[in-house]
PDB file of all heavy atoms in Angstrom:
ATOM      1  N   ALA A   1      -6.736  29.782 -93.259  1.00  0.00           N
ATOM      2  CA  ALA A   1      -7.602  29.368 -94.485  1.00  0.00           C
ATOM      3  C   ALA A   1      -6.696  28.704 -95.504  1.00  0.00           C
ATOM      4  O   ALA A   1      -7.076  27.685 -96.069  1.00  0.00           O
ATOM      5  CB  ALA A   1      -8.277  30.590 -95.031  1.00  0.00           C
ATOM      6  N   VAL A   2      -5.449  29.179 -95.654  1.00  0.00           N
ATOM      7  CA  VAL A   2      -4.537  28.576 -96.569  1.00  0.00           C
ATOM      8  C   VAL A   2      -4.209  27.189 -96.128  1.00  0.00           C
ATOM      9  O   VAL A   2      -4.166  26.192 -96.932  1.00  0.00           O
ATOM     10  CB  VAL A   2      -3.188  29.438 -96.692  1.00  0.00           C
ATOM     11  CG1 VAL A   2      -2.123  28.651 -97.515  1.00  0.00           C
ATOM     12  CG2 VAL A   2      -3.489  30.730 -97.409  1.00  0.00           C
ATOM     13  N   PHE A   3      -3.940  27.022 -94.820  1.00  0.00           N
ATOM     14  CA  PHE A   3      -3.642  25.660 -94.306  1.00  0.00           C
ATOM     15  C   PHE A   3      -4.879  24.744 -94.556  1.00  0.00           C
ATOM     16  O   PHE A   3      -4.716  23.604 -94.941  1.00  0.00           O
ATOM     17  CB  PHE A   3      -3.415  25.808 -92.766  1.00  0.00           C
ATOM     18  CG  PHE A   3      -3.518  24.473 -92.060  1.00  0.00           C
ATOM     19  CD1 PHE A   3      -2.698  23.387 -92.218  1.00  0.00           C
ATOM     20  CD2 PHE A   3      -4.651  24.293 -91.257  1.00  0.00           C
ATOM     21  CE1 PHE A   3      -2.902  22.235 -91.531  1.00  0.00           C
ATOM     22  CE2 PHE A   3      -4.846  23.118 -90.555  1.00  0.00           C
ATOM     23  CZ  PHE A   3      -3.983  22.028 -90.724  1.00  0.00           C
ATOM     24  N   ALA A   4      -6.031  25.249 -94.282  1.00  0.00           N
ATOM     25  CA  ALA A   4      -7.267  24.439 -94.458  1.00  0.00           C
ATOM     26  C   ALA A   4      -7.447  23.982 -95.946  1.00  0.00           C
ATOM     27  O   ALA A   4      -7.805  22.835 -96.208  1.00  0.00           O
ATOM     28  CB  ALA A   4      -8.522  25.259 -93.983  1.00  0.00           C
ATOM     29  N   VAL A   5      -7.144  24.874 -96.883  1.00  0.00           N
ATOM     30  CA  VAL A   5      -7.260  24.552 -98.256  1.00  0.00           C
ATOM     31  C   VAL A   5      -6.287  23.441 -98.624  1.00  0.00           C
ATOM     32  O   VAL A   5      -6.588  22.484 -99.354  1.00  0.00           O
ATOM     33  CB  VAL A   5      -7.077  25.762 -99.201  1.00  0.00           C
ATOM     34  CG1 VAL A   5      -6.949  25.365-100.664  1.00  0.00           C
ATOM     35  CG2 VAL A   5      -8.216  26.778 -98.968  1.00  0.00           C
ATOM     36  N   ILE A   6      -5.011  23.554 -98.098  1.00  0.00           N
ATOM     37  CA  ILE A   6      -3.977  22.565 -98.452  1.00  0.00           C
ATOM     38  C   ILE A   6      -4.402  21.167 -97.823  1.00  0.00           C
ATOM     39  O   ILE A   6      -4.296  20.155 -98.474  1.00  0.00           O
ATOM     40  CB  ILE A   6      -2.640  23.009 -97.806  1.00  0.00           C
ATOM     41  CG1 ILE A   6      -2.097  24.249 -98.552  1.00  0.00           C
ATOM     42  CG2 ILE A   6      -1.607  21.843 -97.876  1.00  0.00           C
ATOM     43  CD1 ILE A   6      -0.871  24.848 -97.889  1.00  0.00           C
ATOM     44  N   GLN A   7      -4.906  21.196 -96.573  1.00  0.00           N
ATOM     45  CA  GLN A   7      -5.209  19.980 -95.854  1.00  0.00           C
ATOM     46  C   GLN A   7      -6.504  19.276 -96.346  1.00  0.00           C
ATOM     47  O   GLN A   7      -6.537  18.061 -96.646  1.00  0.00           O
ATOM     48  CB  GLN A   7      -5.384  20.227 -94.402  1.00  0.00           C
ATOM     49  CG  GLN A   7      -5.803  19.034 -93.543  1.00  0.00           C
ATOM     50  CD  GLN A   7      -4.791  17.964 -93.465  1.00  0.00           C
ATOM     51  OE1 GLN A   7      -3.618  18.233 -93.287  1.00  0.00           O
ATOM     52  NE2 GLN A   7      -5.186  16.721 -93.603  1.00  0.00           N
ATOM     53  N   PHE A   8      -7.589  20.076 -96.528  1.00  0.00           N
ATOM     54  CA  PHE A   8      -8.843  19.546 -96.781  1.00  0.00           C
ATOM     55  C   PHE A   8      -9.336  19.527 -98.255  1.00  0.00           C
ATOM     56  O   PHE A   8     -10.316  18.935 -98.601  1.00  0.00           O
ATOM     57  CB  PHE A   8      -9.914  20.277 -95.950  1.00  0.00           C
ATOM     58  CG  PHE A   8      -9.701  20.139 -94.485  1.00  0.00           C
ATOM     59  CD1 PHE A   8      -9.241  21.274 -93.823  1.00  0.00           C
ATOM     60  CD2 PHE A   8      -9.849  18.988 -93.791  1.00  0.00           C
ATOM     61  CE1 PHE A   8      -9.031  21.208 -92.404  1.00  0.00           C
ATOM     62  CE2 PHE A   8      -9.636  18.877 -92.435  1.00  0.00           C
ATOM     63  CZ  PHE A   8      -9.245  19.967 -91.740  1.00  0.00           C
ATOM     64  N   VAL A   9      -8.602  20.246 -99.138  1.00  0.00           N
ATOM     65  CA  VAL A   9      -8.980  20.273-100.546  1.00  0.00           C
ATOM     66  C   VAL A   9      -7.923  19.785-101.470  1.00  0.00           C
ATOM     67  O   VAL A   9      -8.124  18.814-102.206  1.00  0.00           O
ATOM     68  CB  VAL A   9      -9.356  21.822-100.946  1.00  0.00           C
ATOM     69  CG1 VAL A   9      -9.747  21.800-102.454  1.00  0.00           C
ATOM     70  CG2 VAL A   9     -10.529  22.311-100.066  1.00  0.00           C
ATOM     71  N   ILE A  10      -6.747  20.419-101.387  1.00  0.00           N
ATOM     72  CA  ILE A  10      -5.680  20.066-102.346  1.00  0.00           C
ATOM     73  C   ILE A  10      -5.199  18.655-102.245  1.00  0.00           C
ATOM     74  O   ILE A  10      -5.077  17.930-103.213  1.00  0.00           O
ATOM     75  CB  ILE A  10      -4.537  21.116-102.167  1.00  0.00           C
ATOM     76  CG1 ILE A  10      -4.992  22.507-102.544  1.00  0.00           C
ATOM     77  CG2 ILE A  10      -3.355  20.694-103.156  1.00  0.00           C
ATOM     78  CD1 ILE A  10      -3.893  23.579-102.283  1.00  0.00           C
ATOM     79  N   ARG A  11      -4.877  18.248-101.020  1.00  0.00           N
ATOM     80  CA  ARG A  11      -4.343  16.885-100.846  1.00  0.00           C
ATOM     81  C   ARG A  11      -5.340  15.792-101.240  1.00  0.00           C
ATOM     82  O   ARG A  11      -5.015  14.880-101.953  1.00  0.00           O
ATOM     83  CB  ARG A  11      -3.909  16.674 -99.388  1.00  0.00           C
ATOM     84  CG  ARG A  11      -3.448  15.319 -99.009  1.00  0.00           C
ATOM     85  CD  ARG A  11      -2.113  14.960 -99.736  1.00  0.00           C
ATOM     86  NE  ARG A  11      -1.673  13.644 -99.347  1.00  0.00           N
ATOM     87  CZ  ARG A  11      -0.518  13.099 -99.771  1.00  0.00           C
ATOM     88  NH1 ARG A  11       0.273  13.681-100.634  1.00  0.00           N
ATOM     89  NH2 ARG A  11      -0.117  11.878 -99.396  1.00  0.00           N
ATOM     90  N   PRO A  12      -6.627  15.863-100.777  1.00  0.00           N
ATOM     91  CA  PRO A  12      -7.623  14.884-101.229  1.00  0.00           C
ATOM     92  C   PRO A  12      -7.780  14.807-102.743  1.00  0.00           C
ATOM     93  O   PRO A  12      -7.769  13.692-103.340  1.00  0.00           O
ATOM     94  CB  PRO A  12      -8.890  15.255-100.492  1.00  0.00           C
ATOM     95  CG  PRO A  12      -8.455  15.987 -99.317  1.00  0.00           C
ATOM     96  CD  PRO A  12      -7.231  16.738 -99.711  1.00  0.00           C
ATOM     97  N   VAL A  13      -7.882  15.985-103.323  1.00  0.00           N
ATOM     98  CA  VAL A  13      -8.026  16.007-104.839  1.00  0.00           C
ATOM     99  C   VAL A  13      -6.765  15.368-105.435  1.00  0.00           C
ATOM    100  O   VAL A  13      -6.909  14.534-106.416  1.00  0.00           O
ATOM    101  CB  VAL A  13      -8.238  17.454-105.312  1.00  0.00           C
ATOM    102  CG1 VAL A  13      -8.165  17.474-106.875  1.00  0.00           C
ATOM    103  CG2 VAL A  13      -9.567  17.957-104.913  1.00  0.00           C
ATOM    104  N   SER A  14      -5.656  15.706-105.023  1.00  0.00           N
ATOM    105  CA  SER A  14      -4.360  15.163-105.615  1.00  0.00           C
ATOM    106  C   SER A  14      -4.334  13.661-105.476  1.00  0.00           C
ATOM    107  O   SER A  14      -4.056  12.948-106.474  1.00  0.00           O
ATOM    108  CB  SER A  14      -3.266  15.813-104.916  1.00  0.00           C
ATOM    109  OG  SER A  14      -1.989  15.175-105.237  1.00  0.00           O
ATOM    110  N   VAL A  15      -4.572  13.139-104.313  1.00  0.00           N
ATOM    111  CA  VAL A  15      -4.495  11.639-104.074  1.00  0.00           C
ATOM    112  C   VAL A  15      -5.440  10.879-104.895  1.00  0.00           C
ATOM    113  O   VAL A  15      -5.163   9.920-105.543  1.00  0.00           O
ATOM    114  CB  VAL A  15      -4.630  11.360-102.554  1.00  0.00           C
ATOM    115  CG1 VAL A  15      -4.810   9.861-102.321  1.00  0.00           C
ATOM    116  CG2 VAL A  15      -3.409  11.848-101.763  1.00  0.00           C
ATOM    117  N   HIS A  16      -6.666  11.338-104.872  1.00  0.00           N
ATOM    118  CA  HIS A  16      -7.734  10.569-105.624  1.00  0.00           C
ATOM    119  C   HIS A  16      -7.571  10.636-107.106  1.00  0.00           C
ATOM    120  O   HIS A  16      -7.862   9.582-107.821  1.00  0.00           O
ATOM    121  CB  HIS A  16      -9.168  11.135-105.220  1.00  0.00           C
ATOM    122  CG  HIS A  16      -9.630  10.667-103.860  1.00  0.00           C
ATOM    123  ND1 HIS A  16     -10.171   9.412-103.626  1.00  0.00           N
ATOM    124  CD2 HIS A  16      -9.606  11.267-102.685  1.00  0.00           C
ATOM    125  CE1 HIS A  16     -10.494   9.276-102.404  1.00  0.00           C
ATOM    126  NE2 HIS A  16     -10.141  10.388-101.778  1.00  0.00           N
ATOM    127  N   LEU A  17      -6.994  11.740-107.662  1.00  0.00           N
ATOM    128  CA  LEU A  17      -6.644  11.681-109.118  1.00  0.00           C
ATOM    129  C   LEU A  17      -5.499  10.768-109.384  1.00  0.00           C
ATOM    130  O   LEU A  17      -5.460  10.028-110.318  1.00  0.00           O
ATOM    131  CB  LEU A  17      -6.378  13.123-109.552  1.00  0.00           C
ATOM    132  CG  LEU A  17      -7.583  14.103-109.667  1.00  0.00           C
ATOM    133  CD1 LEU A  17      -7.126  15.512-110.040  1.00  0.00           C
ATOM    134  CD2 LEU A  17      -8.492  13.574-110.755  1.00  0.00           C
ATOM    135  N   CYS A  18      -4.442  10.793-108.567  1.00  0.00           N
ATOM    136  CA  CYS A  18      -3.315   9.975-108.741  1.00  0.00           C
ATOM    137  C   CYS A  18      -3.586   8.524-108.556  1.00  0.00           C
ATOM    138  O   CYS A  18      -2.899   7.646-109.165  1.00  0.00           O
ATOM    139  CB  CYS A  18      -2.133  10.416-107.743  1.00  0.00           C
ATOM    140  SG  CYS A  18      -1.494  12.027-108.018  1.00  0.00           S
ATOM    141  N   ALA A  19      -4.631   8.129-107.780  1.00  0.00           N
ATOM    142  CA  ALA A  19      -4.887   6.760-107.492  1.00  0.00           C
ATOM    143  C   ALA A  19      -5.885   6.141-108.446  1.00  0.00           C
ATOM    144  O   ALA A  19      -6.284   4.962-108.250  1.00  0.00           O
ATOM    145  CB  ALA A  19      -5.387   6.572-106.052  1.00  0.00           C
ATOM    146  N   LEU A  20      -6.384   6.885-109.441  1.00  0.00           N
ATOM    147  CA  LEU A  20      -7.346   6.414-110.365  1.00  0.00           C
ATOM    148  C   LEU A  20      -6.805   5.148-111.108  1.00  0.00           C
ATOM    149  O   LEU A  20      -5.734   5.147-111.610  1.00  0.00           O
ATOM    150  CB  LEU A  20      -7.719   7.483-111.385  1.00  0.00           C
ATOM    151  CG  LEU A  20      -8.641   8.578-110.864  1.00  0.00           C
ATOM    152  CD1 LEU A  20      -8.784   9.578-111.990  1.00  0.00           C
ATOM    153  CD2 LEU A  20      -9.993   8.047-110.462  1.00  0.00           C
ATOM    154  N   GLY A  21      -7.613   4.046-111.078  1.00  0.00           N
ATOM    155  CA  GLY A  21      -7.251   2.872-111.796  1.00  0.00           C
ATOM    156  C   GLY A  21      -6.287   1.997-111.026  1.00  0.00           C
ATOM    157  O   GLY A  21      -5.828   0.918-111.508  1.00  0.00           O
ATOM    158  N   SER A  22      -5.906   2.355-109.821  1.00  0.00           N
ATOM    159  CA  SER A  22      -4.948   1.529-108.990  1.00  0.00           C
ATOM    160  C   SER A  22      -5.701   0.463-108.188  1.00  0.00           C
ATOM    161  O   SER A  22      -6.974   0.462-108.158  1.00  0.00           O
ATOM    162  CB  SER A  22      -4.211   2.425-108.024  1.00  0.00           C
ATOM    163  OG  SER A  22      -5.018   2.942-107.008  1.00  0.00           O
ATOM    164  N   LYS A  23      -4.986  -0.381-107.572  1.00  0.00           N
ATOM    165  CA  LYS A  23      -5.543  -1.438-106.656  1.00  0.00           C
ATOM    166  C   LYS A  23      -5.903  -0.961-105.286  1.00  0.00           C
ATOM    167  O   LYS A  23      -6.437  -1.769-104.449  1.00  0.00           O
ATOM    168  CB  LYS A  23      -4.676  -2.630-106.681  1.00  0.00           C
ATOM    169  CG  LYS A  23      -3.338  -2.409-105.944  1.00  0.00           C
ATOM    170  CD  LYS A  23      -2.468  -3.640-105.820  1.00  0.00           C
ATOM    171  CE  LYS A  23      -1.186  -3.453-104.997  1.00  0.00           C
ATOM    172  NZ  LYS A  23      -0.343  -4.631-104.986  1.00  0.00           N
ATOM    173  N   LEU A  24      -5.668   0.237-105.044  1.00  0.00           N
ATOM    174  CA  LEU A  24      -5.919   0.789-103.651  1.00  0.00           C
ATOM    175  C   LEU A  24      -7.429   0.841-103.411  1.00  0.00           C
ATOM    176  O   LEU A  24      -8.187   1.235-104.237  1.00  0.00           O
ATOM    177  CB  LEU A  24      -5.327   2.199-103.502  1.00  0.00           C
ATOM    178  CG  LEU A  24      -3.869   2.348-103.503  1.00  0.00           C
ATOM    179  CD1 LEU A  24      -3.486   3.831-103.562  1.00  0.00           C
ATOM    180  CD2 LEU A  24      -3.172   1.704-102.341  1.00  0.00           C
ATOM    181  N   SER A  25      -7.826   0.415-102.197  1.00  0.00           N
ATOM    182  CA  SER A  25      -9.230   0.480-101.788  1.00  0.00           C
ATOM    183  C   SER A  25      -9.632   1.960-101.509  1.00  0.00           C
ATOM    184  O   SER A  25      -8.709   2.804-101.333  1.00  0.00           O
ATOM    185  CB  SER A  25      -9.445  -0.386-100.545  1.00  0.00           C
ATOM    186  OG  SER A  25      -8.809   0.265 -99.417  1.00  0.00           O
ATOM    187  N   MET A  26     -10.874   2.271-101.480  1.00  0.00           N
ATOM    188  CA  MET A  26     -11.347   3.665-101.154  1.00  0.00           C
ATOM    189  C   MET A  26     -10.911   4.077 -99.847  1.00  0.00           C
ATOM    190  O   MET A  26     -10.517   5.208 -99.642  1.00  0.00           O
ATOM    191  CB  MET A  26     -12.895   3.775-101.337  1.00  0.00           C
ATOM    192  CG  MET A  26     -13.321   5.181-101.416  1.00  0.00           C
ATOM    193  SD  MET A  26     -12.590   6.115-102.762  1.00  0.00           S
ATOM    194  CE  MET A  26     -13.173   5.220-104.183  1.00  0.00           C
ATOM    195  N   ASN A  27     -10.858   3.184 -98.806  1.00  0.00           N
ATOM    196  CA  ASN A  27     -10.444   3.569 -97.527  1.00  0.00           C
ATOM    197  C   ASN A  27      -8.901   3.943 -97.467  1.00  0.00           C
ATOM    198  O   ASN A  27      -8.523   4.791 -96.705  1.00  0.00           O
ATOM    199  CB  ASN A  27     -10.771   2.555 -96.466  1.00  0.00           C
ATOM    200  CG  ASN A  27     -12.270   2.420 -96.095  1.00  0.00           C
ATOM    201  OD1 ASN A  27     -12.981   3.385 -96.464  1.00  0.00           O
ATOM    202  ND2 ASN A  27     -12.717   1.457 -95.347  1.00  0.00           N
ATOM    203  N   GLU A  28      -8.160   3.141 -98.214  1.00  0.00           N
ATOM    204  CA  GLU A  28      -6.777   3.416 -98.266  1.00  0.00           C
ATOM    205  C   GLU A  28      -6.467   4.834 -98.981  1.00  0.00           C
ATOM    206  O   GLU A  28      -5.589   5.552 -98.527  1.00  0.00           O
ATOM    207  CB  GLU A  28      -6.020   2.299 -99.038  1.00  0.00           C
ATOM    208  CG  GLU A  28      -5.934   0.991 -98.346  1.00  0.00           C
ATOM    209  CD  GLU A  28      -5.344  -0.076 -99.182  1.00  0.00           C
ATOM    210  OE1 GLU A  28      -5.500  -0.074-100.369  1.00  0.00           O
ATOM    211  OE2 GLU A  28      -4.669  -1.016 -98.546  1.00  0.00           O
ATOM    212  N   ARG A  29      -7.329   5.143 -99.928  1.00  0.00           N
ATOM    213  CA  ARG A  29      -7.141   6.420-100.593  1.00  0.00           C
ATOM    214  C   ARG A  29      -7.529   7.565 -99.625  1.00  0.00           C
ATOM    215  O   ARG A  29      -6.866   8.627 -99.647  1.00  0.00           O
ATOM    216  CB  ARG A  29      -8.025   6.476-101.851  1.00  0.00           C
ATOM    217  CG  ARG A  29      -7.650   5.447-102.859  1.00  0.00           C
ATOM    218  CD  ARG A  29      -8.538   5.517-104.097  1.00  0.00           C
ATOM    219  NE  ARG A  29      -8.381   4.261-104.905  1.00  0.00           N
ATOM    220  CZ  ARG A  29      -8.747   4.145-106.174  1.00  0.00           C
ATOM    221  NH1 ARG A  29      -9.314   5.178-106.785  1.00  0.00           N
ATOM    222  NH2 ARG A  29      -8.589   2.999-106.744  1.00  0.00           N
ATOM    223  N   HIS A  30      -8.555   7.306 -98.808  1.00  0.00           N
ATOM    224  CA  HIS A  30      -8.986   8.359 -97.783  1.00  0.00           C
ATOM    225  C   HIS A  30      -7.828   8.608 -96.784  1.00  0.00           C
ATOM    226  O   HIS A  30      -7.565   9.764 -96.466  1.00  0.00           O
ATOM    227  CB  HIS A  30     -10.240   7.938 -97.101  1.00  0.00           C
ATOM    228  CG  HIS A  30     -11.473   7.857 -97.922  1.00  0.00           C
ATOM    229  ND1 HIS A  30     -11.597   8.707 -99.025  1.00  0.00           N
ATOM    230  CD2 HIS A  30     -12.597   7.129 -97.842  1.00  0.00           C
ATOM    231  CE1 HIS A  30     -12.818   8.423 -99.614  1.00  0.00           C
ATOM    232  NE2 HIS A  30     -13.458   7.446 -98.874  1.00  0.00           N
ATOM    233  N   LEU A  31      -7.171   7.564 -96.367  1.00  0.00           N
ATOM    234  CA  LEU A  31      -6.087   7.756 -95.402  1.00  0.00           C
ATOM    235  C   LEU A  31      -4.895   8.486 -96.069  1.00  0.00           C
ATOM    236  O   LEU A  31      -4.259   9.370 -95.487  1.00  0.00           O
ATOM    237  CB  LEU A  31      -5.657   6.426 -94.805  1.00  0.00           C
ATOM    238  CG  LEU A  31      -4.614   6.540 -93.675  1.00  0.00           C
ATOM    239  CD1 LEU A  31      -5.189   7.284 -92.450  1.00  0.00           C
ATOM    240  CD2 LEU A  31      -4.183   5.125 -93.210  1.00  0.00           C
ATOM    241  N   LEU A  32      -4.583   8.109 -97.289  1.00  0.00           N
ATOM    242  CA  LEU A  32      -3.502   8.811 -98.030  1.00  0.00           C
ATOM    243  C   LEU A  32      -3.897  10.229 -98.161  1.00  0.00           C
ATOM    244  O   LEU A  32      -2.962  11.077 -98.157  1.00  0.00           O
ATOM    245  CB  LEU A  32      -3.379   8.207 -99.381  1.00  0.00           C
ATOM    246  CG  LEU A  32      -2.555   6.861 -99.452  1.00  0.00           C
ATOM    247  CD1 LEU A  32      -2.657   6.241-100.886  1.00  0.00           C
ATOM    248  CD2 LEU A  32      -1.123   7.042 -99.101  1.00  0.00           C
ATOM    249  N   SER A  33      -5.180  10.575 -98.414  1.00  0.00           N
ATOM    250  CA  SER A  33      -5.557  11.950 -98.543  1.00  0.00           C
ATOM    251  C   SER A  33      -5.347  12.739 -97.270  1.00  0.00           C
ATOM    252  O   SER A  33      -5.239  13.994 -97.327  1.00  0.00           O
ATOM    253  CB  SER A  33      -6.995  11.997 -98.940  1.00  0.00           C
ATOM    254  OG  SER A  33      -7.273  11.339-100.169  1.00  0.00           O
ATOM    255  N   TRP A  34      -5.312  12.056 -96.181  1.00  0.00           N
ATOM    256  CA  TRP A  34      -5.230  12.788 -94.842  1.00  0.00           C
ATOM    257  C   TRP A  34      -3.799  13.033 -94.445  1.00  0.00           C
ATOM    258  O   TRP A  34      -3.514  13.968 -93.719  1.00  0.00           O
ATOM    259  CB  TRP A  34      -5.956  11.995 -93.737  1.00  0.00           C
ATOM    260  CG  TRP A  34      -6.105  12.685 -92.456  1.00  0.00           C
ATOM    261  CD1 TRP A  34      -5.483  12.412 -91.312  1.00  0.00           C
ATOM    262  CD2 TRP A  34      -6.913  13.877 -92.182  1.00  0.00           C
ATOM    263  NE1 TRP A  34      -5.850  13.265 -90.342  1.00  0.00           N
ATOM    264  CE2 TRP A  34      -6.750  14.129 -90.818  1.00  0.00           C
ATOM    265  CE3 TRP A  34      -7.856  14.494 -92.987  1.00  0.00           C
ATOM    266  CZ2 TRP A  34      -7.439  15.203 -90.214  1.00  0.00           C
ATOM    267  CZ3 TRP A  34      -8.567  15.599 -92.366  1.00  0.00           C
ATOM    268  CH2 TRP A  34      -8.335  15.927 -91.017  1.00  0.00           C
ATOM    269  N   ILE A  35      -2.887  12.152 -94.852  1.00  0.00           N
ATOM    270  CA  ILE A  35      -1.496  12.237 -94.377  1.00  0.00           C
ATOM    271  C   ILE A  35      -0.591  12.880 -95.330  1.00  0.00           C
ATOM    272  O   ILE A  35      -0.328  12.296 -96.430  1.00  0.00           O
ATOM    273  CB  ILE A  35      -1.001  10.797 -93.925  1.00  0.00           C
ATOM    274  CG1 ILE A  35      -1.847  10.228 -92.906  1.00  0.00           C
ATOM    275  CG2 ILE A  35       0.404  10.858 -93.478  1.00  0.00           C
ATOM    276  CD1 ILE A  35      -1.493   8.778 -92.527  1.00  0.00           C
ATOM    277  N   ALA A  36      -0.110  14.026 -95.055  1.00  0.00           N
ATOM    278  CA  ALA A  36       0.947  14.733 -95.893  1.00  0.00           C
ATOM    279  C   ALA A  36       1.549  15.850 -95.031  1.00  0.00           C
ATOM    280  O   ALA A  36       1.434  17.027 -95.346  1.00  0.00           O
ATOM    281  CB  ALA A  36       0.291  15.257 -97.148  1.00  0.00           C
ATOM    282  N   PRO A  37       2.177  15.492 -93.922  1.00  0.00           N
ATOM    283  CA  PRO A  37       2.817  16.528 -93.072  1.00  0.00           C
ATOM    284  C   PRO A  37       4.034  17.124 -93.773  1.00  0.00           C
ATOM    285  O   PRO A  37       4.748  16.446 -94.405  1.00  0.00           O
ATOM    286  CB  PRO A  37       3.139  15.722 -91.777  1.00  0.00           C
ATOM    287  CG  PRO A  37       3.438  14.333 -92.254  1.00  0.00           C
ATOM    288  CD  PRO A  37       2.475  14.118 -93.411  1.00  0.00           C
ATOM    289  N   ARG A  38       4.245  18.406 -93.485  1.00  0.00           N
ATOM    290  CA  ARG A  38       5.463  19.087 -93.993  1.00  0.00           C
ATOM    291  C   ARG A  38       6.512  19.015 -92.907  1.00  0.00           C
ATOM    292  O   ARG A  38       6.258  18.920 -91.686  1.00  0.00           O
ATOM    293  CB  ARG A  38       5.125  20.558 -94.313  1.00  0.00           C
ATOM    294  CG  ARG A  38       4.629  20.710 -95.743  1.00  0.00           C
ATOM    295  CD  ARG A  38       3.350  19.977 -96.051  1.00  0.00           C
ATOM    296  NE  ARG A  38       2.856  20.134 -97.441  1.00  0.00           N
ATOM    297  CZ  ARG A  38       1.758  19.572 -97.852  1.00  0.00           C
ATOM    298  NH1 ARG A  38       0.996  18.828 -97.065  1.00  0.00           N
ATOM    299  NH2 ARG A  38       1.380  19.782 -99.117  1.00  0.00           N
ATOM    300  N   GLY A  39       7.833  19.174 -93.373  1.00  0.00           N
ATOM    301  CA  GLY A  39       8.888  18.938 -92.351  1.00  0.00           C
ATOM    302  C   GLY A  39      10.092  19.876 -92.603  1.00  0.00           C
ATOM    303  O   GLY A  39       9.946  21.014 -92.993  1.00  0.00           O
ATOM    304  N   ILE A  40      11.269  19.312 -92.266  1.00  0.00           N
ATOM    305  CA  ILE A  40      12.494  20.096 -92.142  1.00  0.00           C
ATOM    306  C   ILE A  40      12.893  20.835 -93.466  1.00  0.00           C
ATOM    307  O   ILE A  40      13.313  21.996 -93.458  1.00  0.00           O
ATOM    308  CB  ILE A  40      13.609  19.201 -91.684  1.00  0.00           C
ATOM    309  CG1 ILE A  40      13.464  18.822 -90.217  1.00  0.00           C
ATOM    310  CG2 ILE A  40      15.008  19.817 -91.862  1.00  0.00           C
ATOM    311  CD1 ILE A  40      13.551  19.982 -89.314  1.00  0.00           C
ATOM    312  N   VAL A  41      12.741  20.146 -94.564  1.00  0.00           N
ATOM    313  CA  VAL A  41      13.244  20.706 -95.850  1.00  0.00           C
ATOM    314  C   VAL A  41      12.431  21.994 -96.128  1.00  0.00           C
ATOM    315  O   VAL A  41      13.030  23.058 -96.490  1.00  0.00           O
ATOM    316  CB  VAL A  41      13.047  19.664 -97.020  1.00  0.00           C
ATOM    317  CG1 VAL A  41      13.368  20.351 -98.332  1.00  0.00           C
ATOM    318  CG2 VAL A  41      14.055  18.531 -96.799  1.00  0.00           C
ATOM    319  N   ALA A  42      11.133  21.988 -95.943  1.00  0.00           N
ATOM    320  CA  ALA A  42      10.335  23.133 -96.236  1.00  0.00           C
ATOM    321  C   ALA A  42      10.745  24.297 -95.275  1.00  0.00           C
ATOM    322  O   ALA A  42      10.867  25.408 -95.687  1.00  0.00           O
ATOM    323  CB  ALA A  42       8.857  22.795 -96.029  1.00  0.00           C
ATOM    324  N   ALA A  43      10.951  23.934 -94.019  1.00  0.00           N
ATOM    325  CA  ALA A  43      11.390  24.960 -93.021  1.00  0.00           C
ATOM    326  C   ALA A  43      12.710  25.578 -93.306  1.00  0.00           C
ATOM    327  O   ALA A  43      12.883  26.815 -93.297  1.00  0.00           O
ATOM    328  CB  ALA A  43      11.320  24.366 -91.650  1.00  0.00           C
ATOM    329  N   ALA A  44      13.659  24.726 -93.642  1.00  0.00           N
ATOM    330  CA  ALA A  44      15.052  25.213 -93.924  1.00  0.00           C
ATOM    331  C   ALA A  44      15.077  26.040 -95.161  1.00  0.00           C
ATOM    332  O   ALA A  44      15.702  27.153 -95.253  1.00  0.00           O
ATOM    333  CB  ALA A  44      15.961  24.031 -93.981  1.00  0.00           C
ATOM    334  N   ILE A  45      14.464  25.575 -96.285  1.00  0.00           N
ATOM    335  CA  ILE A  45      14.571  26.277 -97.546  1.00  0.00           C
ATOM    336  C   ILE A  45      13.804  27.595 -97.454  1.00  0.00           C
ATOM    337  O   ILE A  45      14.214  28.598 -98.029  1.00  0.00           O
ATOM    338  CB  ILE A  45      14.058  25.398 -98.650  1.00  0.00           C
ATOM    339  CG1 ILE A  45      14.962  24.142 -98.894  1.00  0.00           C
ATOM    340  CG2 ILE A  45      14.009  26.195 -99.992  1.00  0.00           C
ATOM    341  CD1 ILE A  45      14.508  23.219 -99.956  1.00  0.00           C
ATOM    342  N   SER A  46      12.613  27.638 -96.816  1.00  0.00           N
ATOM    343  CA  SER A  46      11.869  28.887 -96.727  1.00  0.00           C
ATOM    344  C   SER A  46      12.665  29.928 -96.004  1.00  0.00           C
ATOM    345  O   SER A  46      12.641  31.094 -96.391  1.00  0.00           O
ATOM    346  CB  SER A  46      10.584  28.607 -95.980  1.00  0.00           C
ATOM    347  OG  SER A  46      10.723  28.199 -94.591  1.00  0.00           O
TER     348      SER A  46
END
């Protein structure tokens, strides 16, 4: 459930708020909302 909230709620809200007033199309914002994979730094520091 935590993963689902991060993927489907937090990231879309964050992107759409950050992109307000920009030249990005709505479809570009949707794709940005979907892509935010975590990687090595999170694994190593945790």
